[in-house]
């Protein structure tokens, strides 16, 4: 059961971090690497990542995902890198490592929109301290 849940989680996380296709987006001058730092909660899920799941990005390039599904939580740790509007994550599930890239469609002080390879968009809201 635990292994099945891990596989499902992997699919959910990669729904979020699927490979992003080319995009005609102008460089808007925002420093996405600084804006993304913090804890984000899935508000609207366009992929397999369940609403209520969280992603936390730290200044030192580490990432923690807590995926909530069927009353259970699964925590996955990894690293991330932001280059312009591309978010690349490296995650380890058991003995398998995965690296994927997604496109940041929108990133403000309180909203993060990420598009996967299938053009599915997840909307995340920044969690305030203490919440």
Protein backbone atom coordinates (compact mmCIF):
# COMPACT_ATOMS: atom_id res chain seq x y z
CA UNK A 1 0.00 0.00 0.00
CA UNK A 2 2.80 2.39 0.89
CA UNK A 3 4.55 1.69 -2.42
CA UNK A 4 1.33 2.31 -4.35
CA UNK A 5 0.85 5.61 -2.53
CA UNK A 6 4.45 6.59 -3.38
CA UNK A 7 3.84 5.87 -7.06
CA UNK A 8 0.64 7.91 -6.97
CA UNK A 9 2.49 10.73 -5.25
CA UNK A 10 5.20 10.64 -7.87
CA UNK A 11 2.57 11.02 -10.56
CA UNK A 12 1.00 13.92 -8.65
CA UNK A 13 4.27 15.77 -8.15
CA UNK A 14 5.25 15.27 -11.75
CA UNK A 15 1.86 16.53 -12.80
CA UNK A 16 3.03 19.74 -11.18
CA UNK A 17 6.59 19.59 -12.39
CA UNK A 18 6.12 18.06 -15.81
CA UNK A 19 8.39 19.10 -18.63
CA UNK A 20 7.28 22.47 -19.98
CA UNK A 21 7.15 23.23 -23.67
CA UNK A 22 8.45 26.36 -25.37
CA UNK A 23 6.58 29.55 -24.63
CA UNK A 24 6.41 33.07 -26.10
CA UNK A 25 6.74 34.87 -22.76
CA UNK A 26 8.64 38.12 -22.48
CA UNK A 27 11.11 38.57 -19.63
CA UNK A 28 9.14 40.71 -17.18
CA UNK A 29 12.18 41.53 -15.05
CA UNK A 30 10.91 39.74 -11.95
CA UNK A 31 13.38 37.83 -9.82
CA UNK A 32 11.49 34.54 -9.67
CA UNK A 33 14.30 32.90 -7.68
CA UNK A 34 13.64 35.30 -4.77
CA UNK A 35 9.85 35.45 -5.12
CA UNK A 36 9.40 31.65 -5.04
CA UNK A 37 11.02 31.25 -1.59
CA UNK A 38 8.38 30.31 0.98
CA UNK A 39 5.59 27.83 1.57
CA UNK A 40 2.86 27.48 -1.06
CA UNK A 41 -0.46 25.63 -0.89
CA UNK A 42 -2.31 24.26 -3.91
CA UNK A 43 -5.49 26.33 -4.24
CA UNK A 44 -6.66 25.13 -7.67
CA UNK A 45 -5.38 21.92 -9.16
CA UNK A 46 -5.26 21.51 -12.92
CA UNK A 47 -3.02 18.43 -12.68
CA UNK A 48 -2.87 15.38 -10.42
CA UNK A 49 -1.50 17.37 -7.47
CA UNK A 50 -4.33 17.42 -4.89
CA UNK A 51 -5.72 20.68 -3.54
CA UNK A 52 -4.33 21.37 -0.06
CA UNK A 53 -0.91 19.90 -0.83
CA UNK A 54 2.04 22.18 -0.07
CA UNK A 55 5.39 22.99 -1.65
CA UNK A 56 8.10 24.77 0.30
CA UNK A 57 11.09 26.39 -1.41
CA UNK A 58 14.05 27.56 0.69
CA UNK A 59 16.74 30.13 -0.10
CA UNK A 60 19.40 27.40 -0.31
CA UNK A 61 17.68 25.58 -3.21
CA UNK A 62 15.92 22.87 -1.21
CA UNK A 63 12.32 21.89 -1.71
CA UNK A 64 9.80 19.94 0.36
CA UNK A 65 6.47 18.72 -1.01
CA UNK A 66 3.72 17.47 1.28
CA UNK A 67 1.09 15.76 -0.83
CA UNK A 68 -2.30 15.18 0.79
CA UNK A 69 -4.49 12.43 -0.64
CA UNK A 70 -7.15 10.16 0.81
CA UNK A 71 -6.54 11.41 4.34
CA UNK A 72 -2.82 10.67 4.15
CA UNK A 73 0.22 12.89 3.79
CA UNK A 74 3.41 12.01 1.98
CA UNK A 75 6.52 14.17 2.33
CA UNK A 76 9.05 14.32 -0.51
CA UNK A 77 12.28 16.27 -0.38
CA UNK A 78 14.49 17.46 -3.18
CA UNK A 79 16.16 20.47 -4.72
CA UNK A 80 15.06 23.14 -7.15
CA UNK A 81 16.48 25.79 -9.44
CA UNK A 82 14.81 28.78 -11.08
CA UNK A 83 16.12 30.22 -14.35
CA UNK A 84 13.99 33.01 -15.77
CA UNK A 85 10.49 31.44 -15.96
CA UNK A 86 11.62 27.80 -15.70
CA UNK A 87 11.40 25.81 -12.47
CA UNK A 88 13.54 22.67 -12.43
CA UNK A 89 13.03 20.20 -9.59
CA UNK A 90 15.01 17.12 -8.62
CA UNK A 91 13.16 14.69 -6.38
CA UNK A 92 14.08 11.37 -4.87
CA UNK A 93 11.43 8.69 -4.40
CA UNK A 94 12.95 5.64 -2.78
CA UNK A 95 15.97 4.73 -4.90
CA UNK A 96 14.71 6.59 -7.97
CA UNK A 97 15.72 10.17 -8.74
CA UNK A 98 13.69 12.32 -11.10
CA UNK A 99 14.33 15.71 -12.66
CA UNK A 100 11.63 17.74 -14.39
CA UNK A 101 11.08 21.31 -15.54
CA UNK A 102 7.87 23.39 -15.46
CA UNK A 103 7.02 26.90 -16.63
CA UNK A 104 6.17 29.62 -14.15
CA UNK A 105 3.14 31.32 -15.70
CA UNK A 106 2.65 33.81 -12.86
CA UNK A 107 4.56 34.57 -9.69
CA UNK A 108 3.72 37.39 -7.32
CA UNK A 109 4.15 37.86 -3.57
CA UNK A 110 1.09 35.67 -2.93
CA UNK A 111 0.27 33.67 -6.11
CA UNK A 112 2.22 31.03 -8.04
CA UNK A 113 0.92 29.47 -11.27
CA UNK A 114 2.87 26.57 -12.76
CA UNK A 115 2.22 24.93 -16.13
CA UNK A 116 3.24 21.35 -16.88
CA UNK A 117 4.11 19.65 -20.19
CA UNK A 118 0.43 18.96 -20.86
CA UNK A 119 -0.42 22.65 -20.42
CA UNK A 120 -2.19 21.91 -17.12
CA UNK A 121 -1.89 24.77 -14.64
CA UNK A 122 -1.78 24.55 -10.85
CA UNK A 123 -2.52 27.70 -8.82
CA UNK A 124 -0.81 27.98 -5.44
CA UNK A 125 -1.27 30.60 -2.74
CA UNK A 126 1.55 31.62 -0.41
CA UNK A 127 0.98 30.53 3.17
CA UNK A 128 1.49 33.25 5.73
CA UNK A 129 3.65 32.63 8.80
CA UNK A 130 1.85 30.67 11.49
CA UNK A 131 -0.78 29.20 9.15
